Structures are given as C-alpha cells and as structure tokens.
Amino acid sequence: LVVAAAKGSPDVQVKALMEGFESRSPQQAFRKETWDSIRDVYIGKGAKNGYWRLLLTAQPTEAVAEPAEEATV
C-alpha cells in the first residue's frame, strides 16, 4: 500500500495485496479489535470494490513553526 501510494496509484486489488499471506483479505489478517482500530484510520476501501488503499493525511510541505530562539545564559 505504501509503494502504491508513493507511485500515485493508491488503490491495490485485494488479491495482489494479500499475495503470500494465508488470509484472503486484510480484515482476516488482524484480530477484530486491531482491525477496528486501523480500518478507516490507516487502511480503507479503494474507489472500486475489491480494492484497498493506505489512508494518508495531508502532510505540510513547508516548516509549520518558526525555529525556537535560544536563550542566552
């Protein structure tokens, strides 16, 4: 999911996503409590049925805060 997001094509088909795992879906790979805590926070459904994507929040592109001034001792 990270690679797909970095390439600008965030949606990954579930079959490709779960390749090499015993689980057939991301939900089956986690315990219920864990899945409930990450679903729609870090991973979400893609634009099409059967696709998943990494959920990213907008990251600032410039410094948000001014550097702190050092106090003289």
N, C-alpha and C. Protein backbone atom coordinates (compact mmCIF):
# COMPACT_ATOMS: atom_id res chain seq x y z
N LEU A 1 0.82 -1.20 0.00
CA LEU A 1 0.00 0.00 0.00
C LEU A 1 0.86 1.26 0.00
N VAL A 2 1.97 1.20 0.71
CA VAL A 2 2.86 2.35 0.77
C VAL A 2 3.47 2.62 -0.61
N VAL A 3 3.91 1.57 -1.28
CA VAL A 3 4.50 1.72 -2.61
C VAL A 3 3.46 2.27 -3.59
N ALA A 4 2.25 1.73 -3.54
CA ALA A 4 1.19 2.20 -4.44
C ALA A 4 0.87 3.67 -4.19
N ALA A 5 0.79 4.07 -2.93
CA ALA A 5 0.52 5.47 -2.60
C ALA A 5 1.64 6.37 -3.09
N ALA A 6 2.88 5.93 -2.94
CA ALA A 6 4.02 6.73 -3.37
C ALA A 6 4.06 6.89 -4.89
N LYS A 7 3.56 5.88 -5.61
CA LYS A 7 3.55 5.94 -7.07
C LYS A 7 2.38 6.75 -7.61
N GLY A 8 1.45 7.14 -6.73
CA GLY A 8 0.31 7.93 -7.16
C GLY A 8 -0.89 7.11 -7.59
N SER A 9 -0.83 5.80 -7.45
CA SER A 9 -1.96 4.91 -7.74
C SER A 9 -2.29 4.17 -6.46
N PRO A 10 -3.02 4.81 -5.55
CA PRO A 10 -3.17 4.27 -4.20
C PRO A 10 -3.97 2.98 -4.07
N ASP A 11 -4.87 2.69 -5.02
CA ASP A 11 -5.72 1.52 -4.88
C ASP A 11 -4.99 0.25 -5.30
N VAL A 12 -5.07 -0.78 -4.43
CA VAL A 12 -4.42 -2.06 -4.68
C VAL A 12 -5.48 -3.15 -4.60
N GLN A 13 -5.54 -4.00 -5.61
CA GLN A 13 -6.51 -5.10 -5.62
C GLN A 13 -6.21 -6.04 -4.46
N VAL A 14 -7.25 -6.50 -3.80
CA VAL A 14 -7.08 -7.34 -2.60
C VAL A 14 -6.26 -8.58 -2.90
N LYS A 15 -6.41 -9.17 -4.07
CA LYS A 15 -5.64 -10.37 -4.42
C LYS A 15 -4.14 -10.06 -4.43
N ALA A 16 -3.75 -8.94 -5.02
CA ALA A 16 -2.34 -8.54 -5.05
C ALA A 16 -1.86 -8.15 -3.65
N LEU A 17 -2.71 -7.49 -2.90
CA LEU A 17 -2.36 -7.04 -1.55
C LEU A 17 -2.08 -8.22 -0.63
N MET A 18 -2.86 -9.28 -0.74
CA MET A 18 -2.75 -10.41 0.18
C MET A 18 -1.88 -11.54 -0.36
N GLU A 19 -1.22 -11.33 -1.49
CA GLU A 19 -0.35 -12.35 -2.06
C GLU A 19 0.74 -12.73 -1.05
N GLY A 20 0.88 -14.02 -0.80
CA GLY A 20 1.88 -14.50 0.15
C GLY A 20 1.36 -14.66 1.57
N PHE A 21 0.13 -14.21 1.82
CA PHE A 21 -0.47 -14.36 3.15
C PHE A 21 -1.48 -15.50 3.12
N GLU A 22 -1.75 -16.09 4.26
CA GLU A 22 -2.77 -17.12 4.34
C GLU A 22 -4.17 -16.52 4.32
N SER A 23 -4.30 -15.28 4.73
CA SER A 23 -5.59 -14.60 4.75
C SER A 23 -5.97 -14.14 3.35
N ARG A 24 -7.28 -14.08 3.10
CA ARG A 24 -7.74 -13.63 1.79
C ARG A 24 -8.09 -12.15 1.76
N SER A 25 -8.17 -11.53 2.94
CA SER A 25 -8.47 -10.10 3.00
C SER A 25 -7.70 -9.49 4.16
N PRO A 26 -7.48 -8.19 4.13
CA PRO A 26 -6.78 -7.55 5.25
C PRO A 26 -7.50 -7.75 6.58
N GLN A 27 -8.82 -7.76 6.53
CA GLN A 27 -9.60 -7.93 7.76
C GLN A 27 -9.29 -9.27 8.43
N GLN A 28 -9.10 -10.32 7.66
CA GLN A 28 -8.82 -11.63 8.22
C GLN A 28 -7.41 -11.73 8.79
N ALA A 29 -6.54 -10.81 8.43
CA ALA A 29 -5.15 -10.84 8.89
C ALA A 29 -4.98 -10.27 10.30
N PHE A 30 -6.01 -9.62 10.82
CA PHE A 30 -5.92 -8.97 12.13
C PHE A 30 -7.01 -9.47 13.06
N ARG A 31 -6.75 -9.39 14.35
CA ARG A 31 -7.80 -9.65 15.33
C ARG A 31 -8.83 -8.54 15.22
N LYS A 32 -10.06 -8.83 15.63
CA LYS A 32 -11.16 -7.87 15.48
C LYS A 32 -10.84 -6.51 16.08
N GLU A 33 -10.32 -6.49 17.30
CA GLU A 33 -10.04 -5.22 17.97
C GLU A 33 -8.98 -4.42 17.20
N THR A 34 -7.96 -5.12 16.72
CA THR A 34 -6.91 -4.45 15.96
C THR A 34 -7.46 -3.93 14.64
N TRP A 35 -8.22 -4.76 13.94
CA TRP A 35 -8.80 -4.34 12.67
C TRP A 35 -9.69 -3.11 12.86
N ASP A 36 -10.52 -3.14 13.88
CA ASP A 36 -11.40 -2.00 14.15
C ASP A 36 -10.61 -0.73 14.45
N SER A 37 -9.41 -0.87 15.01
CA SER A 37 -8.62 0.31 15.36
C SER A 37 -7.83 0.87 14.17
N ILE A 38 -7.60 0.06 13.12
CA ILE A 38 -6.83 0.56 11.97
C ILE A 38 -7.69 0.84 10.74
N ARG A 39 -8.83 0.15 10.63
CA ARG A 39 -9.70 0.35 9.48
C ARG A 39 -10.24 1.78 9.48
N ASP A 40 -10.19 2.40 8.35
CA ASP A 40 -10.61 3.79 8.15
C ASP A 40 -9.76 4.79 8.92
N VAL A 41 -8.61 4.33 9.44
CA VAL A 41 -7.62 5.22 10.04
C VAL A 41 -6.35 5.13 9.21
N TYR A 42 -5.86 3.90 9.00
CA TYR A 42 -4.64 3.66 8.22
C TYR A 42 -4.91 2.99 6.89
N ILE A 43 -5.95 2.16 6.83
CA ILE A 43 -6.30 1.43 5.61
C ILE A 43 -7.80 1.61 5.36
N GLY A 44 -8.14 1.80 4.11
CA GLY A 44 -9.54 1.99 3.76
C GLY A 44 -9.84 1.39 2.41
N LYS A 45 -11.12 1.27 2.10
CA LYS A 45 -11.53 0.71 0.82
C LYS A 45 -11.16 1.67 -0.31
N GLY A 46 -10.78 1.09 -1.43
CA GLY A 46 -10.43 1.88 -2.60
C GLY A 46 -11.66 2.37 -3.33
N ALA A 47 -11.45 3.00 -4.47
CA ALA A 47 -12.54 3.56 -5.26
C ALA A 47 -13.44 2.46 -5.84
N LYS A 48 -12.85 1.30 -6.12
CA LYS A 48 -13.62 0.18 -6.68
C LYS A 48 -13.73 -0.92 -5.64
N ASN A 49 -14.79 -1.72 -5.76
CA ASN A 49 -14.99 -2.86 -4.88
C ASN A 49 -13.83 -3.84 -5.05
N GLY A 50 -13.30 -4.36 -3.94
CA GLY A 50 -12.20 -5.31 -4.01
C GLY A 50 -10.83 -4.67 -4.00
N TYR A 51 -10.77 -3.37 -3.77
CA TYR A 51 -9.51 -2.64 -3.71
C TYR A 51 -9.36 -1.97 -2.34
N TRP A 52 -8.11 -1.84 -1.90
CA TRP A 52 -7.80 -1.18 -0.63
C TRP A 52 -6.75 -0.11 -0.88
N ARG A 53 -6.68 0.84 0.04
CA ARG A 53 -5.68 1.91 -0.08
C ARG A 53 -5.19 2.33 1.29
N LEU A 54 -3.97 2.84 1.30
CA LEU A 54 -3.40 3.42 2.50
C LEU A 54 -4.02 4.80 2.67
N LEU A 55 -4.51 5.10 3.86
CA LEU A 55 -5.11 6.40 4.11
C LEU A 55 -4.04 7.34 4.63
N LEU A 56 -3.88 8.45 3.95
CA LEU A 56 -2.86 9.43 4.31
C LEU A 56 -3.53 10.75 4.63
N THR A 57 -3.03 11.41 5.65
CA THR A 57 -3.49 12.77 5.92
C THR A 57 -2.55 13.71 5.20
N ALA A 58 -3.01 14.87 4.89
CA ALA A 58 -2.16 15.85 4.21
C ALA A 58 -0.98 16.21 5.09
N GLN A 59 0.19 16.14 4.53
CA GLN A 59 1.41 16.48 5.26
C GLN A 59 1.84 17.88 4.85
N PRO A 60 2.25 18.70 5.82
CA PRO A 60 2.71 20.04 5.46
C PRO A 60 3.97 19.96 4.60
N THR A 61 4.05 20.83 3.62
CA THR A 61 5.21 20.82 2.74
C THR A 61 6.24 21.86 3.14
N GLU A 62 5.88 22.77 4.02
CA GLU A 62 6.80 23.78 4.50
C GLU A 62 6.87 23.71 6.02
N ALA A 63 7.87 24.33 6.57
CA ALA A 63 8.00 24.36 8.03
C ALA A 63 6.75 25.00 8.62
N VAL A 64 6.20 24.37 9.64
CA VAL A 64 4.97 24.86 10.24
C VAL A 64 5.27 25.90 11.31
N ALA A 65 6.33 25.70 12.04
CA ALA A 65 6.65 26.61 13.14
C ALA A 65 8.00 27.28 12.90
N GLU A 66 8.14 28.45 13.46
CA GLU A 66 9.41 29.16 13.40
C GLU A 66 10.39 28.47 14.34
N PRO A 67 11.68 28.46 14.01
CA PRO A 67 12.65 27.85 14.93
C PRO A 67 12.67 28.62 16.26
N ALA A 68 12.84 27.88 17.32
CA ALA A 68 12.88 28.49 18.65
C ALA A 68 14.18 29.28 18.81
N GLU A 69 14.06 30.44 19.44
CA GLU A 69 15.25 31.24 19.70
C GLU A 69 15.94 30.71 20.94
N GLU A 70 17.25 30.63 20.87
CA GLU A 70 18.00 30.15 22.03
C GLU A 70 18.16 31.28 23.03
N ALA A 71 17.92 30.95 24.27
CA ALA A 71 18.08 31.95 25.33
C ALA A 71 19.54 32.03 25.74
N THR A 72 19.99 33.24 26.03
CA THR A 72 21.37 33.41 26.49
C THR A 72 21.43 33.13 27.98
N VAL A 73 22.45 32.43 28.36
CA VAL A 73 22.60 32.07 29.77
C VAL A 73 23.61 32.94 30.44
